[in-house]
């Protein structure tokens, strides 16, 4: 009878120890996050301003491409030349409703 109580007590201790480990690990993550939040935090807007940097190839002073003679055409919206067929069908349905 005493052996059963000892086994139950030992099993209960293993269960409690497991939960303590899980809670301690969660607390470590929480404290690490709070430490990083308060040490790094939001420092506000940066102190530098590069202005508008041209990123079309050939227009930027940092570009490795040569500019196209006669200027460049405006890029297609989202770099796609046509809408997918399904999009045209959906637009047609919306205009009739």
Protein backbone atom coordinates (compact mmCIF):
# COMPACT_ATOMS: atom_id res chain seq x y z
CA UNK A 1 0.00 0.00 0.00
CA UNK A 2 2.83 2.36 0.85
CA UNK A 3 4.48 1.56 -2.46
CA UNK A 4 1.40 2.72 -4.37
CA UNK A 5 1.37 6.01 -2.47
CA UNK A 6 5.06 6.48 -3.21
CA UNK A 7 4.49 5.78 -6.92
CA UNK A 8 1.55 8.21 -7.01
CA UNK A 9 3.58 10.82 -5.16
CA UNK A 10 6.50 10.34 -7.53
CA UNK A 11 4.18 10.52 -10.56
CA UNK A 12 2.59 13.68 -9.22
CA UNK A 13 6.03 15.23 -8.66
CA UNK A 14 7.06 14.42 -12.25
CA UNK A 15 3.88 16.07 -13.54
CA UNK A 16 4.43 19.19 -11.42
CA UNK A 17 8.08 19.35 -12.47
CA UNK A 18 7.05 19.19 -16.13
CA UNK A 19 4.57 22.04 -15.72
CA UNK A 20 7.15 24.08 -13.83
CA UNK A 21 9.58 23.61 -16.72
CA UNK A 22 6.97 24.73 -19.27
CA UNK A 23 6.01 27.78 -17.20
CA UNK A 24 9.66 28.69 -16.60
CA UNK A 25 10.37 28.46 -20.32
CA UNK A 26 7.36 30.67 -21.13
CA UNK A 27 8.48 33.17 -18.48
CA UNK A 28 11.98 33.24 -20.00
CA UNK A 29 10.54 34.07 -23.43
CA UNK A 30 8.33 36.76 -21.91
CA UNK A 31 11.20 38.36 -20.00
CA UNK A 32 13.46 38.20 -23.06
CA UNK A 33 10.78 39.93 -25.15
CA UNK A 34 10.25 42.64 -22.56
CA UNK A 35 14.01 43.16 -22.24
CA UNK A 36 14.35 43.56 -26.02
CA UNK A 37 11.31 45.85 -26.17
CA UNK A 38 12.63 48.23 -23.54
CA UNK A 39 16.30 48.10 -24.57
CA UNK A 40 15.74 48.46 -28.34
CA UNK A 41 12.22 49.80 -28.50
CA UNK A 42 10.96 52.32 -31.05
CA UNK A 43 13.56 55.03 -31.48
CA UNK A 44 11.29 57.13 -33.70
CA UNK A 45 11.94 58.23 -37.26
CA UNK A 46 15.49 57.83 -38.56
CA UNK A 47 17.79 60.84 -38.54
CA UNK A 48 18.66 60.55 -42.23
CA UNK A 49 16.70 61.41 -45.35
CA UNK A 50 17.77 60.13 -48.76
CA UNK A 51 14.90 61.87 -50.52
CA UNK A 52 13.28 60.21 -53.51
CA UNK A 53 15.71 57.65 -54.88
CA UNK A 54 15.03 56.88 -58.54
CA UNK A 55 14.90 53.12 -58.94
CA UNK A 56 14.06 52.72 -62.62
CA UNK A 57 17.12 51.21 -64.37
CA UNK A 58 19.21 53.89 -66.02
CA UNK A 59 17.71 56.83 -64.09
CA UNK A 60 19.43 56.38 -60.77
CA UNK A 61 22.98 57.68 -60.33
CA UNK A 62 23.77 54.30 -58.77
CA UNK A 63 22.48 52.34 -61.77
CA UNK A 64 24.73 49.96 -63.69
CA UNK A 65 22.41 50.06 -66.75
CA UNK A 66 22.70 52.70 -69.44
CA UNK A 67 19.62 54.89 -69.96
CA UNK A 68 17.50 54.09 -72.98
CA UNK A 69 17.69 56.77 -75.67
CA UNK A 70 14.49 58.75 -76.05
CA UNK A 71 13.38 58.12 -72.48
CA UNK A 72 11.59 55.14 -71.09
CA UNK A 73 7.97 54.13 -71.42
CA UNK A 74 5.83 54.13 -68.34
CA UNK A 75 5.82 50.70 -66.72
CA UNK A 76 2.71 48.61 -67.07
CA UNK A 77 0.56 48.47 -63.93
CA UNK A 78 2.02 45.79 -61.67
CA UNK A 79 4.36 44.88 -64.53
CA UNK A 80 1.58 42.98 -66.31
CA UNK A 81 0.66 43.81 -69.89
CA UNK A 82 -2.93 42.53 -69.74
CA UNK A 83 -5.55 41.67 -67.19
CA UNK A 84 -6.29 37.96 -66.85
CA UNK A 85 -9.38 36.82 -68.72
CA UNK A 86 -11.26 36.09 -65.48
CA UNK A 87 -10.69 39.67 -64.26
CA UNK A 88 -12.30 41.10 -67.41
CA UNK A 89 -15.32 38.83 -66.93
CA UNK A 90 -15.65 39.90 -63.27
CA UNK A 91 -15.45 43.59 -64.21
CA UNK A 92 -18.18 43.09 -66.81
CA UNK A 93 -20.47 41.50 -64.24
CA UNK A 94 -19.97 44.36 -61.79
CA UNK A 95 -20.87 47.03 -64.35
CA UNK A 96 -24.21 45.34 -65.22
CA UNK A 97 -25.36 44.98 -61.62
